[in-house]
Amino acid sequence: MNISDKIRYIGVDDLDIDLFESQYKVPEGMSYNSYVILDDKVAVMDTADQRKSVEWQKNMLDALDGREIDYLVVHHMEPDHAANIAAVASAYPEAKIVLSAAAAKMLPNFFPEADLSGRLLIVKEGDTLPLGQHTLQFIAAPMVHWPEVMMSYEQTEKVLFAADGFGKFGAIQHEKRNADGTLADWACEARRYYFNIVGKYGMQVQNVLKKAAKLDIRTIAPLHGPVLRGDLTPFLSLYDTWSKYEPETEGVFVAYASIHGGTKAAALKMVEMLKAKGCPKVAVSDLTRDDLAEAIEDAFRYPTLVLLAASYDAGVFPPMHDFLYHLQIKGFQRRRFALVENGSWAPSAGKVMTEMIGQLKDCQIVAPVVTIRSRMKEADLPNLEALADAVLA
């Protein structure tokens, strides 16, 4: 993971964590990336989560090999990257803390007992920090995904330190590579990471991508996941697609919330019909059991969603409500929806789903909305068939 002899990796893997940010399942663990630039001046690039402070500090000391720190660069104040700021400041009293003005305002929130005010070097867009043969150029990246975020570009080795940009779930040691050394299936967990953590802020990501396009970037060093090297076009292209809210894959995403199996049966019949009609890809999620973050990922991935839900307490079954609520808070937009509701005596799911989708930007509902009563019957099949045709039209 060392970028070069002068830019070294001092991050750590966390294999014990089960939920990242207390909500996202991470069966392959998580990495907290940090780097050190060894030049005439020494710059440590971010720290790590408190969970791994001991291991991170050892990695830092090993890389420093007795040298002092001149600068601690803080790209992002979130605790999984900034938990050790006060510890570093205490151990290296001459070190300057390099950060944005917004990050400086946040420091007392996280370190109320540490007086760091006289140690701050506040930088803004376009400012540079010479270290010797290496020079850092700072790039403002507000709301990717916090307001204080900045990135930095090392001009000599052409490295973009991208904060949470281009990150992914999973520990570094679990990364799989192809025979040619390229990353295998980077997009899968990077996509789930992007849409669930950064997804709301597509416009801000687009702004950063425009800045990045003016730079000669050879390496991307994110705060989570592997360092990206070689041909960076696939990574940049995916981020461009994702941040424009454009579908990535042709096909349909079918998501259902079933109580006693009746809605599930209708969902599986819809999947069967779509495949029989030549739909290139049909992804399916049981919202009562499957990972919600993966369902959000697939919702953003495909242009059309078919939602099937049971009615519940004169509303919609809560797993579907949770799914649609998460789409709302993630800024979901520019998609087509088809709806199937189930109700034994007073179907209400369709009305609630329609209202929630109505709060999304540039989304449309494909007619007809289909209602089934308790169990799918032979008489329901023509309506489901008509809906499948409308979805693929």
Protein backbone atom coordinates (compact mmCIF):
# COMPACT_ATOMS: atom_id res chain seq x y z
CA MET A 1 0.00 0.00 0.00
CA ASN A 2 3.00 2.34 0.06
CA ILE A 3 2.58 4.81 -2.76
CA SER A 4 6.33 5.31 -3.03
CA ASP A 5 9.42 5.32 -0.84
CA LYS A 6 8.54 8.88 0.21
CA ILE A 7 4.76 8.50 0.50
CA ARG A 8 4.02 5.63 2.83
CA TYR A 9 0.85 3.97 4.01
CA ILE A 10 0.30 3.98 7.78
CA GLY A 11 -3.38 3.05 7.87
CA VAL A 12 -4.99 0.11 9.62
CA ASP A 13 -7.58 -2.57 8.94
CA ASP A 14 -10.48 -3.12 11.32
CA LEU A 15 -11.62 -6.74 11.11
CA ASP A 16 -13.70 -6.64 14.28
CA ILE A 17 -16.22 -3.99 13.29
CA ASP A 18 -19.64 -5.31 12.27
CA LEU A 19 -21.45 -2.06 11.49
CA PHE A 20 -19.74 0.95 9.94
CA GLU A 21 -21.27 4.21 11.18
CA SER A 22 -23.49 1.95 13.33
CA GLN A 23 -25.68 1.10 10.33
CA TYR A 24 -23.81 -0.42 7.38
CA LYS A 25 -22.92 -4.11 7.45
CA VAL A 26 -19.23 -4.67 6.70
CA PRO A 27 -18.61 -8.43 6.62
CA GLU A 28 -15.17 -7.82 5.10
CA GLY A 29 -14.23 -5.24 7.75
CA MET A 30 -13.10 -1.67 7.12
CA SER A 31 -9.87 0.19 6.50
CA TYR A 32 -8.92 3.55 7.99
CA ASN A 33 -6.35 4.92 5.60
CA SER A 34 -3.59 7.32 6.56
CA TYR A 35 -0.36 8.27 4.86
CA VAL A 36 2.91 10.03 5.66
CA ILE A 37 5.02 12.10 3.26
CA LEU A 38 8.72 12.00 4.17
CA ASP A 39 10.57 14.98 2.71
CA ASP A 40 12.52 17.94 4.09
CA LYS A 41 9.28 18.47 5.99
CA VAL A 42 7.16 15.56 7.22
CA ALA A 43 3.40 15.56 6.69
CA VAL A 44 1.03 12.99 8.18
CA MET A 45 -2.13 12.74 6.13
CA ASP A 46 -5.07 12.11 8.52
CA THR A 47 -5.15 9.73 11.47
CA ALA A 48 -7.52 6.81 12.21
CA ASP A 49 -10.49 5.66 14.24
CA GLN A 50 -10.14 5.44 18.02
CA ARG A 51 -10.82 1.72 17.73
CA LYS A 52 -7.41 1.30 16.10
CA SER A 53 -5.38 4.09 17.70
CA VAL A 54 -2.68 1.81 19.13
CA GLU A 55 -2.04 0.05 15.81
CA TRP A 56 -2.16 3.32 13.87
CA GLN A 57 0.30 5.07 16.18
CA LYS A 58 2.72 2.14 15.87
CA ASN A 59 2.50 2.28 12.08
CA MET A 60 3.16 6.02 12.18
CA LEU A 61 6.16 5.68 14.49
CA ASP A 62 7.63 2.87 12.39
CA ALA A 63 7.35 5.00 9.24
CA LEU A 64 8.77 8.10 10.92
CA ASP A 65 11.78 6.14 12.18
CA GLY A 66 12.63 8.82 14.72
CA ARG A 67 11.73 11.87 12.62
CA GLU A 68 9.47 14.64 13.92
CA ILE A 69 6.16 15.65 12.34
CA ASP A 70 5.95 19.11 10.81
CA TYR A 71 2.36 18.96 9.60
CA LEU A 72 -0.76 16.94 10.32
CA VAL A 73 -3.10 17.37 7.36
CA VAL A 74 -6.78 16.90 8.22
CA HIS A 75 -8.90 16.26 5.15
CA HIS A 76 -12.02 15.22 7.05
CA MET A 77 -13.06 15.68 10.69
CA GLU A 78 -15.23 12.56 10.96
CA PRO A 79 -14.01 10.49 13.95
CA ASP A 80 -13.03 7.45 11.89
CA HIS A 81 -10.24 9.59 10.42
CA ALA A 82 -9.60 12.29 12.99
CA ALA A 83 -9.78 10.59 16.39
CA ASN A 84 -6.03 10.91 17.02
CA ILE A 85 -5.56 14.61 16.25
CA ALA A 86 -5.15 15.63 19.89
CA ALA A 87 -2.80 12.72 20.59
CA VAL A 88 -0.54 13.69 17.67
CA ALA A 89 -0.63 17.35 18.68
CA SER A 90 0.41 16.41 22.21
CA ALA A 91 3.23 14.11 21.10
CA TYR A 92 4.58 16.59 18.52
CA PRO A 93 4.14 20.09 20.03
CA GLU A 94 5.86 21.80 17.07
CA ALA A 95 3.59 20.25 14.46
CA LYS A 96 1.08 22.43 12.67
CA ILE A 97 -2.45 21.15 12.02
CA VAL A 98 -3.40 21.87 8.41
CA LEU A 99 -7.14 22.06 7.77
CA SER A 100 -9.99 24.06 6.29
CA ALA A 101 -11.65 26.93 8.12
CA ALA A 102 -14.80 24.84 8.54
CA ALA A 103 -12.78 22.00 10.06
CA ALA A 104 -11.11 24.44 12.46
CA LYS A 105 -14.55 25.39 13.79
CA MET A 106 -15.34 21.73 14.38
CA LEU A 107 -12.16 20.92 16.32
CA PRO A 108 -13.49 22.03 19.73
CA ASN A 109 -16.56 19.87 19.23
CA PHE A 110 -14.42 16.75 19.18
CA PHE A 111 -11.53 17.86 21.40
CA PRO A 112 -13.01 20.25 23.97
CA GLU A 113 -10.11 19.82 26.41
CA ALA A 114 -7.32 20.43 23.90
CA ASP A 115 -6.30 24.01 23.13
CA LEU A 116 -5.15 23.68 19.52
CA SER A 117 -5.94 27.22 18.37
CA GLY A 118 -2.30 28.33 18.14
CA ARG A 119 -1.35 25.27 16.14
CA LEU A 120 -3.65 25.69 13.18
CA LEU A 121 -2.65 26.37 9.58
CA ILE A 122 -5.92 27.12 7.80
CA VAL A 123 -5.85 26.57 4.04
CA LYS A 124 -8.32 27.18 1.25
CA GLU A 125 -8.85 26.27 -2.38
CA GLY A 126 -5.62 26.57 -4.40
CA ASP A 127 -3.27 27.10 -1.45
CA THR A 128 -0.05 25.10 -1.54
CA LEU A 129 2.23 23.65 1.10
CA PRO A 130 5.84 22.94 0.05
CA LEU A 131 7.50 20.03 1.84
CA GLY A 132 10.74 19.94 -0.14
CA GLN A 133 10.56 17.91 -3.34
CA HIS A 134 6.85 17.41 -2.71
CA THR A 135 4.16 20.11 -2.70
CA LEU A 136 0.56 19.77 -1.58
CA GLN A 137 -2.13 21.72 -3.41
CA PHE A 138 -5.43 21.98 -1.55
CA ILE A 139 -8.85 21.41 -3.10
CA ALA A 140 -12.07 22.42 -1.37
CA ALA A 141 -14.61 19.59 -1.39
CA PRO A 142 -17.49 20.80 0.82
CA MET A 143 -20.35 18.34 1.34
CA VAL A 144 -18.40 15.39 -0.01
CA HIS A 145 -19.83 14.45 2.37
CA TRP A 146 -19.31 16.89 5.30
CA PRO A 147 -19.02 20.70 4.91
CA GLU A 148 -15.39 20.90 6.07
CA VAL A 149 -13.94 18.33 3.66
CA MET A 150 -10.92 19.14 1.55
CA MET A 151 -8.71 17.05 -0.69
CA SER A 152 -5.08 17.58 -1.54
CA TYR A 153 -3.02 16.96 -4.67
CA GLU A 154 0.65 16.15 -4.37
CA GLN A 155 2.19 17.80 -7.41
CA THR A 156 5.41 15.80 -7.80
CA GLU A 157 4.11 12.25 -7.60
CA LYS A 158 0.66 13.34 -8.85
CA VAL A 159 -1.33 11.79 -6.01
CA LEU A 160 -4.86 12.87 -5.14
CA PHE A 161 -5.58 12.42 -1.43
CA ALA A 162 -9.33 12.12 -1.92
CA ALA A 163 -10.78 12.10 1.62
CA ASP A 164 -13.90 9.87 1.56
CA GLY A 165 -14.10 10.12 -2.22
CA PHE A 166 -13.40 6.87 -4.09
CA GLY A 167 -13.62 4.92 -0.85
CA LYS A 168 -15.24 1.56 -0.33
CA PHE A 169 -16.29 -0.89 2.33
CA GLY A 170 -13.89 -3.72 3.20
CA ALA A 171 -10.48 -4.18 4.80
CA ILE A 172 -7.41 -3.78 2.60
CA GLN A 173 -6.21 -7.32 3.33
CA HIS A 174 -9.46 -8.70 1.91
CA GLU A 175 -9.08 -6.96 -1.44
CA LYS A 176 -9.06 -9.39 -4.36
CA ARG A 177 -7.00 -8.82 -7.49
CA ASN A 178 -7.08 -10.19 -11.01
CA ALA A 179 -4.15 -12.03 -12.58
CA ASP A 180 -2.83 -8.75 -14.02
CA GLY A 181 -2.83 -7.13 -10.58
CA THR A 182 -5.88 -4.93 -11.15
CA LEU A 183 -8.58 -4.75 -8.52
CA ALA A 184 -11.32 -7.36 -8.83
CA ASP A 185 -14.89 -6.03 -8.55
CA TRP A 186 -13.94 -2.74 -6.89
CA ALA A 187 -17.28 -1.27 -7.96
CA CYS A 188 -19.50 -3.56 -5.89
CA GLU A 189 -18.63 -2.28 -2.41
CA ALA A 190 -17.58 1.15 -3.71
CA ARG A 191 -21.07 1.57 -5.14
CA ARG A 192 -22.78 0.55 -1.88
CA TYR A 193 -20.45 2.92 -0.03
CA TYR A 194 -21.02 5.83 -2.41
CA PHE A 195 -24.81 5.79 -2.57
CA ASN A 196 -25.34 5.25 1.14
CA ILE A 197 -22.74 7.74 2.39
CA VAL A 198 -22.08 10.31 -0.34
CA GLY A 199 -25.09 9.72 -2.61
CA LYS A 200 -27.12 12.76 -1.65
CA TYR A 201 -24.37 15.14 -2.74
CA GLY A 202 -24.06 14.44 -6.45
CA MET A 203 -23.76 18.11 -7.42
CA GLN A 204 -20.87 18.59 -5.00
CA VAL A 205 -19.14 15.47 -6.33
CA GLN A 206 -19.54 16.83 -9.85
CA ASN A 207 -17.83 20.06 -8.75
CA VAL A 208 -14.85 18.11 -7.42
CA LEU A 209 -14.66 15.96 -10.55
CA LYS A 210 -14.41 19.12 -12.66
CA LYS A 211 -11.49 20.27 -10.52
CA ALA A 212 -9.85 16.85 -10.75
CA ALA A 213 -10.14 16.88 -14.54
CA LYS A 214 -7.68 19.79 -14.63
CA LEU A 215 -5.03 17.81 -12.75
CA ASP A 216 -2.65 15.11 -13.95
CA ILE A 217 -3.65 12.44 -11.43
CA ARG A 218 -1.68 9.18 -11.46
CA THR A 219 -2.81 7.80 -8.09
CA ILE A 220 -5.92 8.22 -5.94
CA ALA A 221 -5.43 7.69 -2.20
CA PRO A 222 -8.83 7.49 -0.46
CA LEU A 223 -9.50 7.31 3.27
CA HIS A 224 -11.19 3.91 2.92
CA GLY A 225 -10.32 1.04 0.59
CA PRO A 226 -7.40 0.43 -1.74
CA VAL A 227 -5.10 2.98 -3.34
CA LEU A 228 -6.13 3.34 -6.99
CA ARG A 229 -3.41 3.32 -9.64
CA GLY A 230 -2.91 2.68 -13.34
CA ASP A 231 -5.81 3.49 -15.62
CA LEU A 232 -8.07 5.62 -13.43
CA THR A 233 -10.72 6.07 -16.14
CA PRO A 234 -13.08 3.32 -14.88
CA PHE A 235 -13.16 4.80 -11.37
CA LEU A 236 -13.63 8.36 -12.57
CA SER A 237 -16.29 7.29 -15.07
CA LEU A 238 -18.34 5.48 -12.42
CA TYR A 239 -18.17 8.47 -10.09
CA ASP A 240 -19.33 10.69 -12.95
CA THR A 241 -22.30 8.41 -13.63
CA TRP A 242 -23.21 8.00 -9.98
CA SER A 243 -22.99 11.70 -9.15
CA LYS A 244 -25.19 12.61 -12.13
CA TYR A 245 -27.87 10.21 -10.79
CA GLU A 246 -27.75 8.36 -14.09
CA PRO A 247 -28.55 4.63 -14.25
CA GLU A 248 -25.47 2.49 -14.47
CA THR A 249 -26.99 -0.80 -15.64
CA GLU A 250 -29.86 -1.50 -18.02
CA GLY A 251 -32.54 -3.50 -16.25
CA VAL A 252 -35.14 -3.46 -13.47
CA PHE A 253 -34.90 -3.61 -9.70
CA VAL A 254 -37.75 -5.45 -7.97
CA ALA A 255 -38.07 -4.76 -4.24
CA TYR A 256 -40.81 -6.23 -2.10
CA ALA A 257 -42.04 -6.17 1.50
CA SER A 258 -44.22 -9.16 2.28
CA ILE A 259 -45.80 -10.17 5.61
CA HIS A 260 -47.24 -13.65 5.02
CA GLY A 261 -45.89 -14.50 1.57
CA GLY A 262 -48.66 -13.23 -0.69
CA THR A 263 -46.76 -10.14 -1.81
CA LYS A 264 -43.60 -12.19 -2.23
CA ALA A 265 -45.39 -14.56 -4.61
CA ALA A 266 -46.51 -11.59 -6.73
CA ALA A 267 -42.97 -10.22 -6.74
CA LEU A 268 -41.51 -13.51 -7.94
CA LYS A 269 -44.16 -13.72 -10.64
CA MET A 270 -43.24 -10.20 -11.77
CA VAL A 271 -39.57 -11.22 -11.94
CA GLU A 272 -40.55 -14.25 -14.02
CA MET A 273 -42.61 -12.10 -16.39
CA LEU A 274 -39.88 -9.49 -16.84
CA LYS A 275 -37.29 -12.14 -17.65
CA ALA A 276 -39.63 -13.88 -20.07
CA LYS A 277 -40.18 -10.58 -21.86
CA GLY A 278 -36.43 -10.11 -22.39
CA CYS A 279 -35.45 -7.73 -19.60
CA PRO A 280 -31.63 -7.73 -19.72
CA LYS A 281 -31.20 -7.81 -15.93
CA VAL A 282 -33.61 -8.20 -13.04
CA ALA A 283 -32.27 -7.60 -9.53
CA VAL A 284 -34.44 -8.60 -6.57
CA SER A 285 -34.50 -7.61 -2.89
CA ASP A 286 -36.61 -8.86 0.00
CA LEU A 287 -36.77 -5.69 2.07
CA THR A 288 -37.71 -7.62 5.20
CA ARG A 289 -34.48 -9.64 5.19
CA ASP A 290 -31.89 -8.28 2.79
CA ASP A 291 -29.37 -5.55 3.58
CA LEU A 292 -31.10 -2.18 3.20
CA ALA A 293 -27.86 -0.55 2.05
CA GLU A 294 -27.64 -3.02 -0.83
CA ALA A 295 -31.23 -2.26 -1.76
CA ILE A 296 -30.40 1.46 -1.87
CA GLU A 297 -27.38 0.64 -4.04
CA ASP A 298 -29.52 -1.30 -6.53
CA ALA A 299 -32.18 1.40 -6.57
CA PHE A 300 -29.58 3.88 -7.81
CA ARG A 301 -28.07 1.36 -10.20
CA TYR A 302 -31.13 0.65 -12.37
CA PRO A 303 -33.46 3.01 -14.29
CA THR A 304 -36.72 1.36 -13.21
CA LEU A 305 -37.97 0.03 -9.88
CA VAL A 306 -40.92 -2.28 -9.28
CA LEU A 307 -42.11 -1.99 -5.68
CA LEU A 308 -44.51 -4.48 -4.13
CA ALA A 309 -45.75 -4.02 -0.58
CA ALA A 310 -48.39 -5.16 1.83
CA SER A 311 -50.74 -2.67 3.45
CA TYR A 312 -50.21 -2.20 7.17
CA ASP A 313 -52.02 -0.09 9.80
CA ALA A 314 -53.76 1.90 7.04
CA GLY A 315 -50.33 2.62 5.55
CA VAL A 316 -47.52 0.57 4.05
CA PHE A 317 -45.57 -2.30 5.61
CA PRO A 318 -42.66 -0.63 7.52
CA PRO A 319 -39.76 -2.24 5.59
CA MET A 320 -41.04 -0.57 2.40
CA HIS A 321 -41.58 2.70 4.25
CA ASP A 322 -37.98 2.55 5.53
CA PHE A 323 -36.69 1.88 2.02
CA LEU A 324 -38.56 4.82 0.49
CA TYR A 325 -37.57 7.08 3.39
CA HIS A 326 -33.91 6.25 2.78
CA LEU A 327 -34.33 7.07 -0.91
CA GLN A 328 -35.76 10.44 0.10
CA ILE A 329 -32.88 11.35 2.41
CA LYS A 330 -30.30 10.22 -0.16
CA GLY A 331 -31.64 12.58 -2.81
CA PHE A 332 -32.92 9.80 -5.08
CA GLN A 333 -34.12 11.09 -8.44
CA ARG A 334 -34.70 10.57 -12.17
CA ARG A 335 -36.18 7.07 -12.06
CA ARG A 336 -39.37 5.22 -13.04
CA PHE A 337 -41.48 3.30 -10.52
CA ALA A 338 -44.10 0.58 -10.95
CA LEU A 339 -46.27 -0.31 -7.95
CA VAL A 340 -48.12 -3.36 -6.69
CA GLU A 341 -50.07 -3.15 -3.43
CA ASN A 342 -51.57 -5.95 -1.37
CA GLY A 343 -54.44 -5.56 1.08
CA SER A 344 -56.92 -8.01 2.54
CA TRP A 345 -59.73 -5.52 3.29
CA ALA A 346 -58.56 -1.92 2.72
CA PRO A 347 -55.49 -1.69 0.46
CA SER A 348 -53.47 1.39 1.42
CA ALA A 349 -49.89 0.62 0.42
CA GLY A 350 -50.23 2.03 -3.08
CA LYS A 351 -51.43 5.40 -1.82
CA VAL A 352 -48.56 5.74 0.67
CA MET A 353 -45.91 4.62 -1.82
CA THR A 354 -47.29 7.08 -4.38
CA GLU A 355 -47.12 9.92 -1.87
CA MET A 356 -43.55 9.10 -0.86
CA ILE A 357 -42.39 8.78 -4.46
CA GLY A 358 -44.06 12.12 -5.14
CA GLN A 359 -41.52 13.73 -2.86
CA LEU A 360 -38.64 12.50 -5.03
CA LYS A 361 -37.22 14.66 -7.80
CA ASP A 362 -38.05 13.83 -11.44
CA CYS A 363 -39.55 10.42 -10.69
CA GLN A 364 -42.61 9.01 -12.43
CA ILE A 365 -45.02 6.18 -11.68
CA VAL A 366 -45.82 3.78 -14.50
CA ALA A 367 -49.49 2.86 -14.87
CA PRO A 368 -51.30 0.77 -13.88
CA VAL A 369 -50.90 0.50 -10.11
CA VAL A 370 -51.90 -3.11 -9.45
CA THR A 371 -53.89 -4.22 -6.40
CA ILE A 372 -54.03 -7.80 -5.17
CA ARG A 373 -56.17 -9.11 -2.32
CA SER A 374 -54.26 -11.31 0.15
CA ARG A 375 -53.09 -13.85 -2.43
CA MET A 376 -52.29 -13.53 -6.11
CA LYS A 377 -55.03 -15.19 -8.20
CA GLU A 378 -55.45 -16.15 -11.82
CA ALA A 379 -57.51 -13.01 -12.35
CA ASP A 380 -54.56 -10.86 -11.23
CA LEU A 381 -52.19 -12.16 -13.89
CA PRO A 382 -53.41 -9.96 -16.77
CA ASN A 383 -52.90 -6.84 -14.62
CA LEU A 384 -49.39 -7.94 -13.64
CA GLU A 385 -48.70 -8.75 -17.30
CA ALA A 386 -49.85 -5.28 -18.33
CA LEU A 387 -47.62 -3.72 -15.68
CA ALA A 388 -44.61 -5.74 -16.84
CA ASP A 389 -45.25 -4.55 -20.42
CA ALA A 390 -45.47 -0.95 -19.23
CA VAL A 391 -42.23 -1.30 -17.27
CA LEU A 392 -40.37 -2.50 -20.36
CA ALA A 393 -42.04 -0.08 -22.79
